[in-house]
Amino acid sequence: MKPVTTLVTKILAAYDVEGLIASGAPEDEYIVEAEPITAFIINNRHKLSENLLADNIQYVFLRYLGSLIDYVDCIWIAKDIMRQLNEQGVM
């Protein structure tokens, strides 16, 4: 797994907006959603913003799980992803 994908997967698991981890799913349960989010981050790294990333997170969850997650949750997830990527020098 790519380092960015690993980071995104861990953050999605920490927020667990679908309650899958809390229900006993493995920590990498959100890998399917993390992969397109990671691709979006990499493809848009020069113009990425919290709002743009939050839009993508909401889209991915709707497309892959059929769930429209709260946009505020998407913003918090995006902020956390961007903060950690910046701390690691990836962005």
N, C-alpha and C. Protein backbone atom coordinates (compact mmCIF):
# COMPACT_ATOMS: atom_id res chain seq x y z
N MET A 1 0.86 -1.18 0.00
CA MET A 1 0.00 0.00 0.00
C MET A 1 0.90 1.24 0.00
N LYS A 2 0.55 2.22 -0.81
CA LYS A 2 1.31 3.47 -0.86
C LYS A 2 1.19 4.21 0.47
N PRO A 3 2.23 4.98 0.84
CA PRO A 3 2.18 5.72 2.11
C PRO A 3 0.97 6.65 2.22
N VAL A 4 0.63 7.32 1.12
CA VAL A 4 -0.52 8.24 1.18
C VAL A 4 -1.82 7.43 1.35
N THR A 5 -1.92 6.31 0.66
CA THR A 5 -3.10 5.46 0.79
C THR A 5 -3.23 4.94 2.22
N THR A 6 -2.10 4.56 2.79
CA THR A 6 -2.10 4.08 4.18
C THR A 6 -2.59 5.17 5.12
N LEU A 7 -2.08 6.38 4.94
CA LEU A 7 -2.48 7.50 5.79
C LEU A 7 -3.98 7.78 5.64
N VAL A 8 -4.46 7.83 4.41
CA VAL A 8 -5.88 8.12 4.17
C VAL A 8 -6.75 7.01 4.78
N THR A 9 -6.33 5.75 4.61
CA THR A 9 -7.08 4.63 5.18
C THR A 9 -7.16 4.74 6.69
N LYS A 10 -6.05 5.07 7.34
CA LYS A 10 -6.04 5.21 8.80
C LYS A 10 -6.94 6.34 9.27
N ILE A 11 -6.93 7.45 8.55
CA ILE A 11 -7.77 8.58 8.94
C ILE A 11 -9.25 8.24 8.74
N LEU A 12 -9.58 7.61 7.62
CA LEU A 12 -10.98 7.20 7.41
C LEU A 12 -11.43 6.23 8.49
N ALA A 13 -10.55 5.32 8.88
CA ALA A 13 -10.89 4.37 9.95
C ALA A 13 -11.07 5.08 11.28
N ALA A 14 -10.24 6.09 11.53
CA ALA A 14 -10.35 6.84 12.80
C ALA A 14 -11.69 7.58 12.87
N TYR A 15 -12.13 8.16 11.76
CA TYR A 15 -13.41 8.87 11.76
C TYR A 15 -14.58 7.88 11.68
N ASP A 16 -14.39 6.78 10.98
CA ASP A 16 -15.37 5.69 10.90
C ASP A 16 -16.80 6.20 10.74
N VAL A 17 -17.01 7.04 9.73
CA VAL A 17 -18.32 7.69 9.54
C VAL A 17 -19.44 6.70 9.25
N GLU A 18 -19.10 5.51 8.79
CA GLU A 18 -20.10 4.49 8.53
C GLU A 18 -20.28 3.52 9.69
N GLY A 19 -19.43 3.64 10.72
CA GLY A 19 -19.53 2.75 11.88
C GLY A 19 -19.05 1.33 11.62
N LEU A 20 -18.29 1.15 10.56
CA LEU A 20 -17.83 -0.20 10.20
C LEU A 20 -16.77 -0.73 11.16
N ILE A 21 -15.84 0.12 11.55
CA ILE A 21 -14.78 -0.28 12.47
C ILE A 21 -15.39 -0.58 13.84
N ALA A 22 -16.31 0.28 14.25
CA ALA A 22 -16.98 0.09 15.54
C ALA A 22 -17.78 -1.22 15.56
N SER A 23 -18.19 -1.68 14.39
CA SER A 23 -18.95 -2.93 14.30
C SER A 23 -18.06 -4.16 14.17
N GLY A 24 -16.73 -3.94 14.25
CA GLY A 24 -15.82 -5.07 14.22
C GLY A 24 -15.07 -5.28 12.92
N ALA A 25 -15.25 -4.40 11.95
CA ALA A 25 -14.52 -4.53 10.68
C ALA A 25 -13.03 -4.27 10.91
N PRO A 26 -12.18 -4.82 10.04
CA PRO A 26 -10.73 -4.60 10.20
C PRO A 26 -10.35 -3.14 9.96
N GLU A 27 -9.20 -2.76 10.49
CA GLU A 27 -8.73 -1.36 10.39
C GLU A 27 -8.56 -0.89 8.95
N ASP A 28 -8.36 -1.81 8.01
CA ASP A 28 -8.18 -1.41 6.61
C ASP A 28 -9.49 -1.47 5.82
N GLU A 29 -10.60 -1.48 6.51
CA GLU A 29 -11.92 -1.60 5.88
C GLU A 29 -12.17 -0.50 4.84
N TYR A 30 -11.62 0.68 5.06
CA TYR A 30 -11.89 1.81 4.17
C TYR A 30 -10.87 1.93 3.04
N ILE A 31 -10.10 0.87 2.76
CA ILE A 31 -9.10 0.91 1.69
C ILE A 31 -9.75 1.18 0.33
N VAL A 32 -10.92 0.61 0.10
CA VAL A 32 -11.60 0.80 -1.19
C VAL A 32 -11.91 2.27 -1.42
N GLU A 33 -12.32 2.97 -0.37
CA GLU A 33 -12.60 4.41 -0.49
C GLU A 33 -11.30 5.23 -0.49
N ALA A 34 -10.30 4.75 0.22
CA ALA A 34 -9.03 5.48 0.31
C ALA A 34 -8.29 5.55 -1.01
N GLU A 35 -8.40 4.51 -1.83
CA GLU A 35 -7.66 4.49 -3.09
C GLU A 35 -8.08 5.59 -4.06
N PRO A 36 -9.38 5.80 -4.33
CA PRO A 36 -9.73 6.92 -5.22
C PRO A 36 -9.48 8.28 -4.59
N ILE A 37 -9.60 8.37 -3.26
CA ILE A 37 -9.29 9.64 -2.58
C ILE A 37 -7.81 9.95 -2.73
N THR A 38 -6.96 8.93 -2.57
CA THR A 38 -5.53 9.11 -2.74
C THR A 38 -5.20 9.53 -4.17
N ALA A 39 -5.80 8.88 -5.15
CA ALA A 39 -5.58 9.25 -6.55
C ALA A 39 -5.97 10.70 -6.79
N PHE A 40 -7.08 11.12 -6.20
CA PHE A 40 -7.52 12.51 -6.32
C PHE A 40 -6.50 13.46 -5.71
N ILE A 41 -5.98 13.11 -4.54
CA ILE A 41 -4.98 13.95 -3.88
C ILE A 41 -3.74 14.09 -4.76
N ILE A 42 -3.25 12.99 -5.27
CA ILE A 42 -2.05 13.00 -6.10
C ILE A 42 -2.27 13.77 -7.39
N ASN A 43 -3.40 13.55 -8.03
CA ASN A 43 -3.69 14.22 -9.31
C ASN A 43 -3.98 15.71 -9.16
N ASN A 44 -4.34 16.14 -7.95
CA ASN A 44 -4.70 17.56 -7.72
C ASN A 44 -3.80 18.23 -6.70
N ARG A 45 -2.63 17.67 -6.43
CA ARG A 45 -1.77 18.15 -5.34
C ARG A 45 -1.38 19.62 -5.46
N HIS A 46 -1.32 20.15 -6.67
CA HIS A 46 -0.90 21.55 -6.84
C HIS A 46 -2.03 22.55 -6.62
N LYS A 47 -3.25 22.07 -6.64
CA LYS A 47 -4.40 22.97 -6.44
C LYS A 47 -5.34 22.49 -5.34
N LEU A 48 -4.89 21.52 -4.55
CA LEU A 48 -5.74 20.90 -3.54
C LEU A 48 -6.08 21.87 -2.41
N SER A 49 -7.34 21.88 -2.03
CA SER A 49 -7.79 22.66 -0.88
C SER A 49 -8.64 21.74 -0.01
N GLU A 50 -8.90 22.17 1.21
CA GLU A 50 -9.75 21.38 2.11
C GLU A 50 -11.13 21.18 1.51
N ASN A 51 -11.70 22.22 0.91
CA ASN A 51 -13.04 22.10 0.35
C ASN A 51 -13.07 21.17 -0.86
N LEU A 52 -12.07 21.27 -1.71
CA LEU A 52 -12.00 20.39 -2.88
C LEU A 52 -11.86 18.93 -2.44
N LEU A 53 -11.02 18.68 -1.46
CA LEU A 53 -10.84 17.33 -0.94
C LEU A 53 -12.11 16.84 -0.24
N ALA A 54 -12.76 17.70 0.52
CA ALA A 54 -14.02 17.33 1.20
C ALA A 54 -15.09 16.95 0.17
N ASP A 55 -15.16 17.71 -0.93
CA ASP A 55 -16.11 17.38 -2.00
C ASP A 55 -15.84 15.98 -2.53
N ASN A 56 -14.56 15.67 -2.74
CA ASN A 56 -14.19 14.36 -3.27
C ASN A 56 -14.51 13.24 -2.28
N ILE A 57 -14.24 13.48 -1.01
CA ILE A 57 -14.54 12.47 0.02
C ILE A 57 -16.03 12.17 0.03
N GLN A 58 -16.84 13.22 -0.01
CA GLN A 58 -18.29 13.01 -0.01
C GLN A 58 -18.73 12.24 -1.26
N TYR A 59 -18.16 12.59 -2.41
CA TYR A 59 -18.48 11.91 -3.66
C TYR A 59 -18.10 10.42 -3.59
N VAL A 60 -16.90 10.13 -3.10
CA VAL A 60 -16.42 8.75 -3.03
C VAL A 60 -17.33 7.91 -2.13
N PHE A 61 -17.72 8.43 -0.98
CA PHE A 61 -18.59 7.66 -0.09
C PHE A 61 -19.97 7.45 -0.72
N LEU A 62 -20.45 8.43 -1.44
CA LEU A 62 -21.73 8.27 -2.11
C LEU A 62 -21.63 7.22 -3.22
N ARG A 63 -20.57 7.29 -4.00
CA ARG A 63 -20.39 6.36 -5.12
C ARG A 63 -20.13 4.93 -4.66
N TYR A 64 -19.27 4.76 -3.69
CA TYR A 64 -18.85 3.42 -3.30
C TYR A 64 -19.74 2.77 -2.24
N LEU A 65 -20.32 3.56 -1.37
CA LEU A 65 -21.16 3.00 -0.30
C LEU A 65 -22.62 3.40 -0.40
N GLY A 66 -22.92 4.34 -1.30
CA GLY A 66 -24.29 4.81 -1.41
C GLY A 66 -24.71 5.67 -0.24
N SER A 67 -23.70 6.21 0.49
CA SER A 67 -23.97 7.01 1.68
C SER A 67 -23.60 8.47 1.46
N LEU A 68 -24.54 9.34 1.73
CA LEU A 68 -24.25 10.76 1.69
C LEU A 68 -23.84 11.18 3.10
N ILE A 69 -22.54 11.23 3.33
CA ILE A 69 -22.08 11.59 4.67
C ILE A 69 -22.11 13.10 4.85
N ASP A 70 -22.27 13.51 6.07
CA ASP A 70 -22.37 14.92 6.42
C ASP A 70 -21.15 15.68 5.91
N TYR A 71 -21.38 16.80 5.25
CA TYR A 71 -20.28 17.58 4.68
C TYR A 71 -19.32 18.09 5.76
N VAL A 72 -19.84 18.37 6.93
CA VAL A 72 -18.97 18.82 8.03
C VAL A 72 -17.97 17.72 8.38
N ASP A 73 -18.42 16.47 8.39
CA ASP A 73 -17.50 15.36 8.61
C ASP A 73 -16.44 15.31 7.51
N CYS A 74 -16.86 15.54 6.28
CA CYS A 74 -15.92 15.54 5.15
C CYS A 74 -14.86 16.63 5.32
N ILE A 75 -15.27 17.79 5.79
CA ILE A 75 -14.32 18.89 6.03
C ILE A 75 -13.31 18.48 7.10
N TRP A 76 -13.78 17.90 8.21
CA TRP A 76 -12.86 17.49 9.28
C TRP A 76 -11.88 16.42 8.79
N ILE A 77 -12.38 15.48 8.01
CA ILE A 77 -11.51 14.43 7.46
C ILE A 77 -10.48 15.06 6.52
N ALA A 78 -10.94 15.95 5.65
CA ALA A 78 -10.03 16.62 4.70
C ALA A 78 -8.97 17.43 5.44
N LYS A 79 -9.37 18.17 6.47
CA LYS A 79 -8.40 18.94 7.26
C LYS A 79 -7.34 18.03 7.87
N ASP A 80 -7.79 16.91 8.41
CA ASP A 80 -6.87 15.98 9.05
C ASP A 80 -5.92 15.37 8.03
N ILE A 81 -6.44 14.96 6.88
CA ILE A 81 -5.59 14.40 5.83
C ILE A 81 -4.55 15.42 5.40
N MET A 82 -4.97 16.63 5.11
CA MET A 82 -4.04 17.66 4.63
C MET A 82 -3.01 18.01 5.69
N ARG A 83 -3.44 18.09 6.94
CA ARG A 83 -2.51 18.40 8.02
C ARG A 83 -1.43 17.33 8.12
N GLN A 84 -1.85 16.07 8.11
CA GLN A 84 -0.87 15.00 8.24
C GLN A 84 0.03 14.88 7.02
N LEU A 85 -0.51 15.12 5.83
CA LEU A 85 0.33 15.11 4.63
C LEU A 85 1.37 16.23 4.69
N ASN A 86 0.95 17.40 5.17
CA ASN A 86 1.89 18.52 5.32
C ASN A 86 2.96 18.21 6.36
N GLU A 87 2.56 17.62 7.47
CA GLU A 87 3.51 17.26 8.53
C GLU A 87 4.54 16.26 8.02
N GLN A 88 4.13 15.36 7.13
CA GLN A 88 5.03 14.36 6.60
C GLN A 88 5.81 14.84 5.38
N GLY A 89 5.53 16.08 4.96
CA GLY A 89 6.24 16.65 3.83
C GLY A 89 5.79 16.12 2.48
N VAL A 90 4.62 15.52 2.45
CA VAL A 90 4.10 14.96 1.20
C VAL A 90 3.48 16.06 0.34
N MET A 91 2.88 17.05 0.98
CA MET A 91 2.22 18.14 0.25
C MET A 91 3.07 19.40 0.32
